[in-house]
Protein backbone atom coordinates (compact mmCIF):
# COMPACT_ATOMS: atom_id res chain seq x y z
CA MET A 1 105.47 105.50 108.49
CA ALA A 2 105.44 107.92 105.40
CA HIS A 3 101.89 107.17 104.59
CA SER A 4 102.75 107.31 100.78
CA VAL A 5 102.68 105.01 97.82
CA VAL A 6 105.27 102.56 97.66
CA TRP A 7 104.64 101.22 94.17
CA SER A 8 101.57 100.99 91.93
CA LEU A 9 100.69 98.82 89.12
CA ASP A 10 97.90 99.07 86.59
CA ILE A 11 95.57 96.08 86.20
CA GLU A 12 92.98 95.64 83.55
CA ASN A 13 90.07 95.05 85.92
CA SER A 14 88.73 96.00 89.23
CA LEU A 15 90.57 94.35 92.05
CA GLN A 16 88.63 92.50 94.63
CA ALA A 17 90.88 90.72 97.14
CA ALA A 18 94.86 89.92 97.88
CA CYS A 19 97.21 87.79 99.86
CA TYR A 20 101.05 87.33 100.41
CA SER A 21 102.49 84.12 100.30
CA PRO A 22 103.91 82.86 103.80
CA ASP A 23 107.43 84.27 103.06
CA GLY A 24 106.30 87.60 101.72
CA SER A 25 107.86 87.23 98.21
CA THR A 26 104.88 86.65 96.12
CA LEU A 27 101.49 88.84 96.11
CA VAL A 28 98.40 87.25 94.44
CA VAL A 29 95.29 89.88 93.55
CA THR A 30 91.85 88.60 92.40
CA THR A 31 89.71 90.77 90.38
CA THR A 32 85.83 91.07 90.00
CA VAL A 33 85.76 88.97 86.59
CA GLY A 34 87.54 85.79 87.58
CA VAL A 35 91.01 86.85 86.64
CA TRP A 36 93.87 86.60 89.04
CA PHE A 37 97.43 87.54 88.97
CA VAL A 38 100.54 86.68 90.44
CA LEU A 39 103.16 89.47 91.28
CA ASP A 40 106.66 89.25 92.45
CA ALA A 41 106.50 91.46 95.71
CA GLU A 42 110.11 92.54 95.15
CA THR A 43 110.26 93.51 91.48
CA LYS A 44 106.66 94.16 91.03
CA GLU A 45 106.72 91.82 88.14
CA VAL A 46 103.60 89.99 86.96
CA VAL A 47 104.52 86.50 86.95
CA GLY A 48 101.17 84.87 86.14
CA ARG A 49 97.73 85.46 84.96
CA PHE A 50 94.88 82.88 85.67
CA VAL A 51 91.07 82.59 85.20
CA ASP A 52 88.74 80.95 87.30
CA GLY A 53 85.16 81.35 86.25
CA SER A 54 83.71 84.77 85.29
CA GLU A 55 82.69 86.32 88.66
CA ALA A 56 84.28 87.93 91.48
CA ILE A 57 86.90 86.09 93.56
CA SER A 58 85.93 87.60 96.96
CA VAL A 59 88.75 85.86 99.11
CA VAL A 60 92.46 84.32 98.47
CA LYS A 61 94.60 82.64 100.85
CA PHE A 62 97.92 80.60 100.73
CA SER A 63 98.10 77.70 103.07
CA PRO A 64 100.12 78.00 105.98
CA ASP A 65 103.06 75.84 104.60
CA GLY A 66 102.71 77.83 101.12
CA SER A 67 101.77 74.54 99.32
CA HIS A 68 98.48 75.35 98.21
CA LEU A 69 96.50 78.39 97.24
CA ALA A 70 92.50 78.56 97.53
CA LEU A 71 90.22 81.12 95.91
CA GLY A 72 86.74 81.78 96.92
CA SER A 73 84.49 82.98 94.15
CA HIS A 74 81.01 84.59 93.66
CA ASP A 75 79.99 81.45 91.39
CA ASN A 76 79.99 79.61 94.74
CA ASN A 77 83.15 77.40 94.41
CA ILE A 78 86.55 77.38 96.27
CA TYR A 79 89.44 76.84 93.56
CA VAL A 80 92.56 74.88 94.97
CA TYR A 81 95.95 75.17 93.36
CA GLN A 82 99.14 73.36 94.12
CA VAL A 83 102.07 75.88 94.31
CA HIS A 84 105.57 74.89 93.19
CA ASP A 85 108.89 76.64 92.25
CA ASN A 86 109.13 79.18 94.99
CA TYR A 87 105.41 80.38 94.35
CA ARG A 88 105.91 80.73 90.43
CA LYS A 89 103.93 77.62 89.17
CA TYR A 90 100.48 76.83 90.09
CA ASN A 91 98.47 73.87 88.95
CA ARG A 92 94.77 73.65 89.60
CA LEU A 93 93.93 70.68 91.88
CA GLY A 94 90.21 70.98 91.56
CA ARG A 95 87.17 72.77 92.97
CA CYS A 96 85.21 72.66 96.56
CA MET A 97 81.82 72.57 95.22
CA GLY A 98 78.71 72.61 97.66
CA HIS A 99 77.86 76.04 98.65
CA SER A 100 74.44 77.34 97.68
CA SER A 101 75.54 81.16 97.58
CA PHE A 102 78.98 82.76 96.96
CA VAL A 103 81.82 82.31 99.29
CA THR A 104 82.45 85.43 101.80
CA HIS A 105 85.38 83.84 103.84
CA PHE A 106 87.50 80.91 104.54
CA ASP A 107 90.54 79.73 106.88
CA TRP A 108 92.87 77.20 106.36
CA SER A 109 93.82 74.62 109.13
CA LEU A 110 97.29 74.76 110.85
CA ASP A 111 98.34 71.78 108.99
CA SER A 112 97.27 72.89 105.65
CA THR A 113 94.98 70.28 105.07
CA TYR A 114 91.50 71.46 105.70
CA VAL A 115 89.38 74.65 104.81
CA ARG A 116 86.23 75.91 106.60
CA SER A 117 84.39 78.29 104.48
CA ASN A 118 81.19 80.77 104.99
CA SER A 119 78.70 81.70 102.02
CA ALA A 120 76.46 84.71 101.66
CA ASP A 121 73.44 82.53 102.82
CA LEU A 122 75.29 81.98 106.10
CA GLU A 123 76.41 78.25 105.62
CA LEU A 124 79.53 77.02 107.51
CA LEU A 125 80.91 74.34 105.61
CA PHE A 126 84.37 72.15 105.99
CA TRP A 127 86.64 70.67 103.05
CA ASN A 128 89.66 68.46 102.98
CA ALA A 129 91.25 70.72 100.36
CA THR A 130 94.08 68.56 99.22
CA VAL A 131 91.37 66.27 97.59
CA CYS A 132 88.56 69.13 97.13
CA ARG A 133 85.98 67.05 98.96
CA GLN A 134 83.47 68.39 101.58
CA VAL A 135 83.71 66.96 105.13
CA PRO A 136 80.06 66.28 105.80
CA HIS A 137 80.15 65.59 109.50
CA SER A 138 81.49 68.83 111.20
CA SER A 139 82.04 66.69 114.60
CA GLN A 140 85.29 65.41 112.80
CA MET A 141 86.51 68.91 112.73
CA MET A 142 86.40 69.31 116.58
CA ASN A 143 90.13 69.16 117.11
CA VAL A 144 91.27 70.83 114.02
CA GLU A 145 93.50 73.85 114.70
CA TRP A 146 92.95 76.69 112.51
CA ALA A 147 95.58 78.98 111.05
CA SER A 148 93.39 82.07 111.06
CA GLU A 149 89.90 83.18 112.52
CA THR A 150 88.23 85.13 109.45
CA CYS A 151 85.04 83.16 108.98
CA THR A 152 82.05 85.30 110.61
CA ILE A 153 79.99 82.03 111.30
CA GLY A 154 81.23 79.42 113.56
CA PHE A 155 81.25 78.48 117.47
CA SER A 156 84.26 80.56 118.29
CA VAL A 157 82.71 83.72 117.00
CA LEU A 158 78.98 83.24 118.05
CA GLY A 159 79.21 86.25 120.34
CA ILE A 160 80.08 88.68 117.78
CA TRP A 161 76.47 89.00 116.60
CA PRO A 162 74.32 91.63 118.11
CA GLY A 163 70.60 91.02 118.66
CA GLY A 164 68.59 91.70 115.66
CA ALA A 165 71.50 91.14 113.18
CA ASP A 166 70.36 89.76 109.79
CA GLY A 167 73.29 87.72 108.96
CA SER A 168 75.21 90.43 106.76
CA ASP A 169 75.67 93.17 109.17
CA ILE A 170 79.29 91.91 110.29
CA ASN A 171 81.48 91.78 107.07
CA CYS A 172 84.84 90.67 108.56
CA CYS A 173 86.59 89.53 111.49
CA SER A 174 90.43 88.42 112.52
CA ARG A 175 92.08 86.86 115.25
CA SER A 176 94.95 88.21 116.89
CA ASN A 177 98.25 86.21 116.48
CA GLY A 178 98.57 85.69 120.16
CA GLN A 179 95.07 84.24 119.85
CA THR A 180 93.64 86.46 122.75
CA LEU A 181 91.70 88.94 120.78
CA LEU A 182 89.10 89.11 117.99
CA VAL A 183 88.35 92.25 116.18
CA THR A 184 85.16 92.66 114.02
CA GLY A 185 84.29 95.33 111.24
CA ASP A 186 80.52 96.13 110.53
CA ASP A 187 77.90 97.79 108.11
CA TRP A 188 77.66 100.70 110.91
CA GLY A 189 81.32 101.66 110.17
CA LYS A 190 82.37 100.26 113.68
CA VAL A 191 85.53 98.50 114.68
CA LYS A 192 84.83 96.12 117.65
CA LEU A 193 87.41 94.40 120.03
CA PHE A 194 86.31 91.33 121.67
CA SER A 195 88.23 88.59 123.87
CA TYR A 196 88.99 85.54 121.99
CA PRO A 197 87.00 83.15 121.75
CA ALA A 198 83.85 84.92 121.68
CA CYS A 199 81.61 81.98 121.92
CA HIS A 200 78.96 83.46 124.26
CA PRO A 201 76.06 85.27 122.79
CA LYS A 202 76.32 89.01 122.81
CA ALA A 203 79.96 89.00 123.98
CA LEU A 204 81.22 92.06 125.78
CA CYS A 205 83.50 94.33 123.45
CA HIS A 206 85.12 97.73 122.91
CA ILE A 207 83.78 99.74 120.11
CA TYR A 208 85.51 102.18 118.02
CA GLY A 209 84.44 104.75 115.30
CA GLY A 210 86.10 106.36 112.70
CA HIS A 211 84.94 104.93 109.39
CA SER A 212 82.29 106.82 107.59
CA SER A 213 80.94 103.81 105.85
CA HIS A 214 80.91 100.14 106.20
CA VAL A 215 84.27 98.24 107.37
CA THR A 216 85.47 95.84 104.62
CA SER A 217 88.26 94.31 106.30
CA VAL A 218 90.18 94.05 109.54
CA GLY A 219 93.57 92.49 110.75
CA PHE A 220 96.38 92.61 113.01
CA LEU A 221 99.81 93.38 112.49
CA PRO A 222 102.39 90.59 113.34
CA ASP A 223 103.29 91.86 116.68
CA ASP A 224 99.56 92.35 117.66
CA GLY A 225 100.42 95.98 118.42
CA ARG A 226 98.35 97.69 116.01
CA LEU A 227 95.57 96.68 113.63
CA LEU A 228 94.31 97.83 110.15
CA SER A 229 90.68 98.49 109.19
CA THR A 230 89.67 99.31 105.63
CA GLY A 231 86.55 101.21 104.64
CA GLY A 232 84.15 100.79 101.89
CA ARG A 233 82.54 103.92 100.38
CA ASP A 234 84.90 106.18 102.56
CA CYS A 235 87.97 104.51 100.60
CA SER A 236 90.01 104.85 103.76
CA ILE A 237 92.49 102.44 105.62
CA MET A 238 92.81 103.22 109.47
CA GLN A 239 95.56 102.17 111.89
CA TRP A 240 94.64 101.45 115.55
CA MET A 241 97.10 101.04 118.22
CA LEU A 242 96.25 98.61 121.10
CA CYS A 243 97.32 99.88 124.48
């Protein structure tokens, strides 16, 4: 890897989050003022500009089948769009309203029907994203398979929280594609590697240092041979090899 810039584009506002479409052809980037853009990943052309609220959109993800796009905002809502024409056309389906603080993480179900979400006040809520309605009874979600594991509040990640944590110390987590490992990033600049699921309190882990500031995001590469972590104030991207 050359560790050099492949391409760049000037955006009118500060960026907050980004995601690729399932086929990698389209990139969606969000900003701190509710504006988000759709980019062609090959030509780098801006093919769409949208606005949802006026606050930061902190998380964005396509559904596994690519039929929907969800965006979690600091206005406490999750906006859901239907996607058409090879990721070129977006029609807003509605808003998932119910969180009492801003949305921090969410995951799609494997069948692209449900979303589970966390908020800054440590809520875990479930939604039928196809109709933008909350699922009030979590017991109904017991057998749902999830396409990712980025919510830091939930049964499968109960053990990632150390004693004395205030609920904001762990900023991010991600499950390996083989569903055997879980990585977290925290306020102390540490990257921790757990066995998955980490459902027992204070689960054992390997701890790695390198960031000089809080870790903002973590994720495995497709073959699970490496993982990436991004830092906050240190403005760094680190690559870790699993061996």
